[in-house]
Amino acid sequence: MSADVTPATPATPSRVTDRPGDTSPFALGLLLRRAHWRAAAVMEESLRPLGIELRHFAVLIVLVDRGPTVQRDLAAATGSDKAAIMRIVDDLERRGLAVRKGVPGDRRVRAVEITPQGVELFDAAHVAAEPLAERLVAGLSPGESEKLSDLLTRIAHPSDGQA
């Protein structure tokens, strides 16, 4: 005698959203994207009075961190393409915030270097961003901002070298 067995119905896959509580495998990426949009909007707001955009500031960050950097490496470091990096560096040069200089031994390659005015603007941007950055994390409990930063750092820069 055999028991009637109803075949198992495959579980309905989770429909992806970026709403709180979503368990889809895409949820974390979507939440990170939404958080990025919000953080970028806040940072853009702080940069607007200084006359630059986040894309310009991203290049200044690399130049402050690495020193003179060839345009191809700036493109890779900022996730930009070659044409976009050229436009950004053109903008920075027009504002006196960066200069292109030849690279000894290769006349075709140009390194971009931040100027003293660029460093001044970089520092001013941090002062302008402070209250807005605080507003961004105002809903977090004490210590959560640091914990979030630590977690995001571990995701962005895995210690095991995984991309």
C-alpha atoms as a PDB file:
ATOM      1  CA  MET A   1       0.000   0.000   0.000  1.00  0.00           C
ATOM      2  CA  SER A   2       1.448   3.330  -0.932  1.00  0.00           C
ATOM      3  CA  ALA A   3       0.675   6.637   0.643  1.00  0.00           C
ATOM      4  CA  ASP A   4      -0.522   9.452  -1.475  1.00  0.00           C
ATOM      5  CA  VAL A   5       2.365  11.823  -1.698  1.00  0.00           C
ATOM      6  CA  THR A   6       1.847  15.246  -3.025  1.00  0.00           C
ATOM      7  CA  PRO A   7       4.886  16.351  -4.963  1.00  0.00           C
ATOM      8  CA  ALA A   8       6.755  19.129  -3.240  1.00  0.00           C
ATOM      9  CA  THR A   9       6.051  22.463  -4.787  1.00  0.00           C
ATOM     10  CA  PRO A  10       9.238  24.331  -5.444  1.00  0.00           C
ATOM     11  CA  ALA A  11       9.556  27.345  -3.212  1.00  0.00           C
ATOM     12  CA  THR A  12       8.593  30.534  -4.921  1.00  0.00           C
ATOM     13  CA  PRO A  13      11.731  32.559  -5.349  1.00  0.00           C
ATOM     14  CA  SER A  14      11.860  35.738  -3.343  1.00  0.00           C
ATOM     15  CA  ARG A  15      10.874  38.725  -5.421  1.00  0.00           C
ATOM     16  CA  VAL A  16      13.664  41.239  -5.114  1.00  0.00           C
ATOM     17  CA  THR A  17      13.020  44.652  -3.660  1.00  0.00           C
ATOM     18  CA  ASP A  18      15.111  47.046  -1.676  1.00  0.00           C
ATOM     19  CA  ARG A  19      12.589  47.333   1.133  1.00  0.00           C
ATOM     20  CA  PRO A  20      13.593  46.568   4.716  1.00  0.00           C
ATOM     21  CA  GLY A  21      13.375  42.849   5.454  1.00  0.00           C
ATOM     22  CA  ASP A  22      13.822  41.644   1.873  1.00  0.00           C
ATOM     23  CA  THR A  23      15.583  38.266   1.904  1.00  0.00           C
ATOM     24  CA  SER A  24      16.326  38.071  -1.806  1.00  0.00           C
ATOM     25  CA  PRO A  25      19.959  37.347  -2.715  1.00  0.00           C
ATOM     26  CA  PHE A  26      19.923  40.741  -4.460  1.00  0.00           C
ATOM     27  CA  ALA A  27      18.652  42.699  -1.461  1.00  0.00           C
ATOM     28  CA  LEU A  28      22.037  43.648  -0.011  1.00  0.00           C
ATOM     29  CA  GLY A  29      23.289  44.989  -3.333  1.00  0.00           C
ATOM     30  CA  LEU A  30      20.110  46.969  -3.863  1.00  0.00           C
ATOM     31  CA  LEU A  31      20.247  48.421  -0.354  1.00  0.00           C
ATOM     32  CA  LEU A  32      23.890  49.354  -0.864  1.00  0.00           C
ATOM     33  CA  ARG A  33      22.933  51.062  -4.141  1.00  0.00           C
ATOM     34  CA  ARG A  34      20.125  53.021  -2.453  1.00  0.00           C
ATOM     35  CA  ALA A  35      22.450  53.978   0.425  1.00  0.00           C
ATOM     36  CA  HIS A  36      25.071  55.054  -2.122  1.00  0.00           C
ATOM     37  CA  TRP A  37      22.544  57.266  -3.925  1.00  0.00           C
ATOM     38  CA  ARG A  38      21.555  58.915  -0.662  1.00  0.00           C
ATOM     39  CA  ALA A  39      25.157  59.398   0.493  1.00  0.00           C
ATOM     40  CA  ALA A  40      26.191  60.707  -2.937  1.00  0.00           C
ATOM     41  CA  ALA A  41      23.322  63.221  -2.901  1.00  0.00           C
ATOM     42  CA  VAL A  42      24.415  64.456   0.529  1.00  0.00           C
ATOM     43  CA  MET A  43      28.044  64.761  -0.576  1.00  0.00           C
ATOM     44  CA  GLU A  44      27.004  66.530  -3.824  1.00  0.00           C
ATOM     45  CA  GLU A  45      25.082  69.019  -1.668  1.00  0.00           C
ATOM     46  CA  SER A  46      28.231  69.750   0.333  1.00  0.00           C
ATOM     47  CA  LEU A  47      30.378  70.149  -2.804  1.00  0.00           C
ATOM     48  CA  ARG A  48      27.963  72.348  -4.796  1.00  0.00           C
ATOM     49  CA  PRO A  49      28.929  75.615  -3.027  1.00  0.00           C
ATOM     50  CA  LEU A  50      32.580  74.834  -3.794  1.00  0.00           C
ATOM     51  CA  GLY A  51      31.817  74.595  -7.513  1.00  0.00           C
ATOM     52  CA  ILE A  52      32.709  70.943  -8.034  1.00  0.00           C
ATOM     53  CA  GLU A  53      30.857  67.685  -8.375  1.00  0.00           C
ATOM     54  CA  LEU A  54      31.418  64.316  -6.750  1.00  0.00           C
ATOM     55  CA  ARG A  55      33.171  63.040  -9.899  1.00  0.00           C
ATOM     56  CA  HIS A  56      35.753  65.827  -9.533  1.00  0.00           C
ATOM     57  CA  PHE A  57      36.166  65.161  -5.836  1.00  0.00           C
ATOM     58  CA  ALA A  58      36.698  61.443  -6.509  1.00  0.00           C
ATOM     59  CA  VAL A  59      39.730  62.346  -8.645  1.00  0.00           C
ATOM     60  CA  LEU A  60      41.036  64.738  -5.996  1.00  0.00           C
ATOM     61  CA  ILE A  61      40.770  61.937  -3.426  1.00  0.00           C
ATOM     62  CA  VAL A  62      42.959  59.689  -5.588  1.00  0.00           C
ATOM     63  CA  LEU A  63      45.484  62.481  -6.179  1.00  0.00           C
ATOM     64  CA  VAL A  64      45.729  63.286  -2.465  1.00  0.00           C
ATOM     65  CA  ASP A  65      46.100  59.590  -1.652  1.00  0.00           C
ATOM     66  CA  ARG A  66      48.510  58.533  -4.405  1.00  0.00           C
ATOM     67  CA  GLY A  67      50.207  61.717  -5.538  1.00  0.00           C
ATOM     68  CA  PRO A  68      50.711  62.310  -9.265  1.00  0.00           C
ATOM     69  CA  THR A  69      48.749  59.636 -11.126  1.00  0.00           C
ATOM     70  CA  VAL A  70      48.536  58.793 -14.813  1.00  0.00           C
ATOM     71  CA  GLN A  71      45.097  59.274 -16.343  1.00  0.00           C
ATOM     72  CA  ARG A  72      44.625  55.572 -17.088  1.00  0.00           C
ATOM     73  CA  ASP A  73      45.099  54.792 -13.374  1.00  0.00           C
ATOM     74  CA  LEU A  74      42.739  57.628 -12.406  1.00  0.00           C
ATOM     75  CA  ALA A  75      40.097  56.086 -14.642  1.00  0.00           C
ATOM     76  CA  ALA A  76      40.533  52.681 -13.000  1.00  0.00           C
ATOM     77  CA  ALA A  77      40.574  54.112  -9.468  1.00  0.00           C
ATOM     78  CA  THR A  78      37.372  56.115  -9.979  1.00  0.00           C
ATOM     79  CA  GLY A  79      35.468  53.655 -12.164  1.00  0.00           C
ATOM     80  CA  SER A  80      35.457  56.129 -15.033  1.00  0.00           C
ATOM     81  CA  ASP A  81      36.229  55.572 -18.671  1.00  0.00           C
ATOM     82  CA  LYS A  82      39.075  57.293 -20.522  1.00  0.00           C
ATOM     83  CA  ALA A  83      36.888  60.003 -22.083  1.00  0.00           C
ATOM     84  CA  ALA A  84      35.185  60.830 -18.767  1.00  0.00           C
ATOM     85  CA  ILE A  85      38.500  61.090 -16.928  1.00  0.00           C
ATOM     86  CA  MET A  86      39.829  63.434 -19.600  1.00  0.00           C
ATOM     87  CA  ARG A  87      36.772  65.716 -19.170  1.00  0.00           C
ATOM     88  CA  ILE A  88      37.087  65.646 -15.374  1.00  0.00           C
ATOM     89  CA  VAL A  89      40.796  66.480 -15.482  1.00  0.00           C
ATOM     90  CA  ASP A  90      40.076  69.237 -18.030  1.00  0.00           C
ATOM     91  CA  ASP A  91      37.545  70.692 -15.559  1.00  0.00           C
ATOM     92  CA  LEU A  92      40.029  70.456 -12.675  1.00  0.00           C
ATOM     93  CA  GLU A  93      42.755  72.098 -14.761  1.00  0.00           C
ATOM     94  CA  ARG A  94      40.445  74.959 -15.798  1.00  0.00           C
ATOM     95  CA  ARG A  95      39.717  75.584 -12.094  1.00  0.00           C
ATOM     96  CA  GLY A  96      43.429  75.438 -11.207  1.00  0.00           C
ATOM     97  CA  LEU A  97      42.867  72.397  -8.977  1.00  0.00           C
ATOM     98  CA  ALA A  98      45.093  69.968 -10.905  1.00  0.00           C
ATOM     99  CA  VAL A  99      47.739  70.001 -13.621  1.00  0.00           C
ATOM    100  CA  ARG A 100      48.906  67.473 -16.174  1.00  0.00           C
ATOM    101  CA  LYS A 101      52.632  66.877 -16.345  1.00  0.00           C
ATOM    102  CA  GLY A 102      54.729  64.738 -18.634  1.00  0.00           C
ATOM    103  CA  VAL A 103      56.085  61.462 -17.355  1.00  0.00           C
ATOM    104  CA  PRO A 104      59.847  61.108 -17.770  1.00  0.00           C
ATOM    105  CA  GLY A 105      60.673  58.396 -20.295  1.00  0.00           C
ATOM    106  CA  ASP A 106      57.264  58.370 -22.012  1.00  0.00           C
ATOM    107  CA  ARG A 107      56.167  61.469 -23.920  1.00  0.00           C
ATOM    108  CA  ARG A 108      52.712  60.003 -24.551  1.00  0.00           C
ATOM    109  CA  VAL A 109      51.774  59.556 -20.889  1.00  0.00           C
ATOM    110  CA  ARG A 110      50.611  62.422 -18.684  1.00  0.00           C
ATOM    111  CA  ALA A 111      50.389  62.319 -14.915  1.00  0.00           C
ATOM    112  CA  VAL A 112      47.832  64.428 -13.107  1.00  0.00           C
ATOM    113  CA  GLU A 113      48.909  66.254  -9.976  1.00  0.00           C
ATOM    114  CA  ILE A 114      46.808  68.185  -7.465  1.00  0.00           C
ATOM    115  CA  THR A 115      47.735  71.860  -7.059  1.00  0.00           C
ATOM    116  CA  PRO A 116      47.932  73.796  -3.791  1.00  0.00           C
ATOM    117  CA  GLN A 117      44.518  75.285  -4.687  1.00  0.00           C
ATOM    118  CA  GLY A 118      43.243  71.740  -5.149  1.00  0.00           C
ATOM    119  CA  VAL A 119      44.477  70.787  -1.690  1.00  0.00           C
ATOM    120  CA  GLU A 120      42.768  73.871  -0.223  1.00  0.00           C
ATOM    121  CA  LEU A 121      39.478  72.938  -1.883  1.00  0.00           C
ATOM    122  CA  PHE A 122      39.895  69.320  -0.781  1.00  0.00           C
ATOM    123  CA  ASP A 123      40.257  70.458   2.832  1.00  0.00           C
ATOM    124  CA  ALA A 124      37.352  72.906   2.528  1.00  0.00           C
ATOM    125  CA  ALA A 125      35.146  70.117   1.150  1.00  0.00           C
ATOM    126  CA  HIS A 126      35.723  68.089   4.304  1.00  0.00           C
ATOM    127  CA  VAL A 127      34.705  71.009   6.501  1.00  0.00           C
ATOM    128  CA  ALA A 128      31.584  71.612   4.395  1.00  0.00           C
ATOM    129  CA  ALA A 129      30.648  67.907   4.376  1.00  0.00           C
ATOM    130  CA  GLU A 130      30.900  67.331   8.138  1.00  0.00           C
ATOM    131  CA  PRO A 131      27.421  68.538   9.173  1.00  0.00           C
ATOM    132  CA  LEU A 132      25.797  66.876   6.179  1.00  0.00           C
ATOM    133  CA  ALA A 133      27.580  63.590   6.873  1.00  0.00           C
ATOM    134  CA  GLU A 134      26.348  63.762  10.461  1.00  0.00           C
ATOM    135  CA  ARG A 135      22.807  64.265   9.152  1.00  0.00           C
ATOM    136  CA  LEU A 136      23.231  61.192   6.943  1.00  0.00           C
ATOM    137  CA  VAL A 137      23.818  58.922   9.960  1.00  0.00           C
ATOM    138  CA  ALA A 138      21.625  60.808  12.432  1.00  0.00           C
ATOM    139  CA  GLY A 139      19.204  57.867  12.657  1.00  0.00           C
ATOM    140  CA  LEU A 140      21.913  55.489  13.847  1.00  0.00           C
ATOM    141  CA  SER A 141      22.614  54.735  17.490  1.00  0.00           C
ATOM    142  CA  PRO A 142      25.962  55.621  19.080  1.00  0.00           C
ATOM    143  CA  GLY A 143      28.660  53.364  17.673  1.00  0.00           C
ATOM    144  CA  GLU A 144      26.577  52.172  14.720  1.00  0.00           C
ATOM    145  CA  SER A 145      28.166  54.605  12.268  1.00  0.00           C
ATOM    146  CA  GLU A 146      31.608  53.213  13.074  1.00  0.00           C
ATOM    147  CA  LYS A 147      30.299  49.657  12.858  1.00  0.00           C
ATOM    148  CA  LEU A 148      28.665  50.378   9.496  1.00  0.00           C
ATOM    149  CA  SER A 149      31.892  51.884   8.209  1.00  0.00           C
ATOM    150  CA  ASP A 150      33.820  48.808   9.367  1.00  0.00           C
ATOM    151  CA  LEU A 151      31.358  46.420   7.715  1.00  0.00           C
ATOM    152  CA  LEU A 152      31.328  48.342   4.438  1.00  0.00           C
ATOM    153  CA  THR A 153      35.126  48.468   4.451  1.00  0.00           C
ATOM    154  CA  ARG A 154      35.248  44.691   4.841  1.00  0.00           C
ATOM    155  CA  ILE A 155      32.833  44.279   1.925  1.00  0.00           C
ATOM    156  CA  ALA A 156      34.650  46.786  -0.289  1.00  0.00           C
ATOM    157  CA  HIS A 157      38.149  45.592   0.584  1.00  0.00           C
ATOM    158  CA  PRO A 158      38.022  41.865   1.387  1.00  0.00           C
ATOM    159  CA  SER A 159      41.112  40.673   3.231  1.00  0.00           C
ATOM    160  CA  ASP A 160      41.258  37.418   1.285  1.00  0.00           C
ATOM    161  CA  GLY A 161      41.779  39.253  -1.994  1.00  0.00           C
ATOM    162  CA  GLN A 162      38.418  38.297  -3.495  1.00  0.00           C
ATOM    163  CA  ALA A 163      36.965  40.858  -5.850  1.00  0.00           C
END
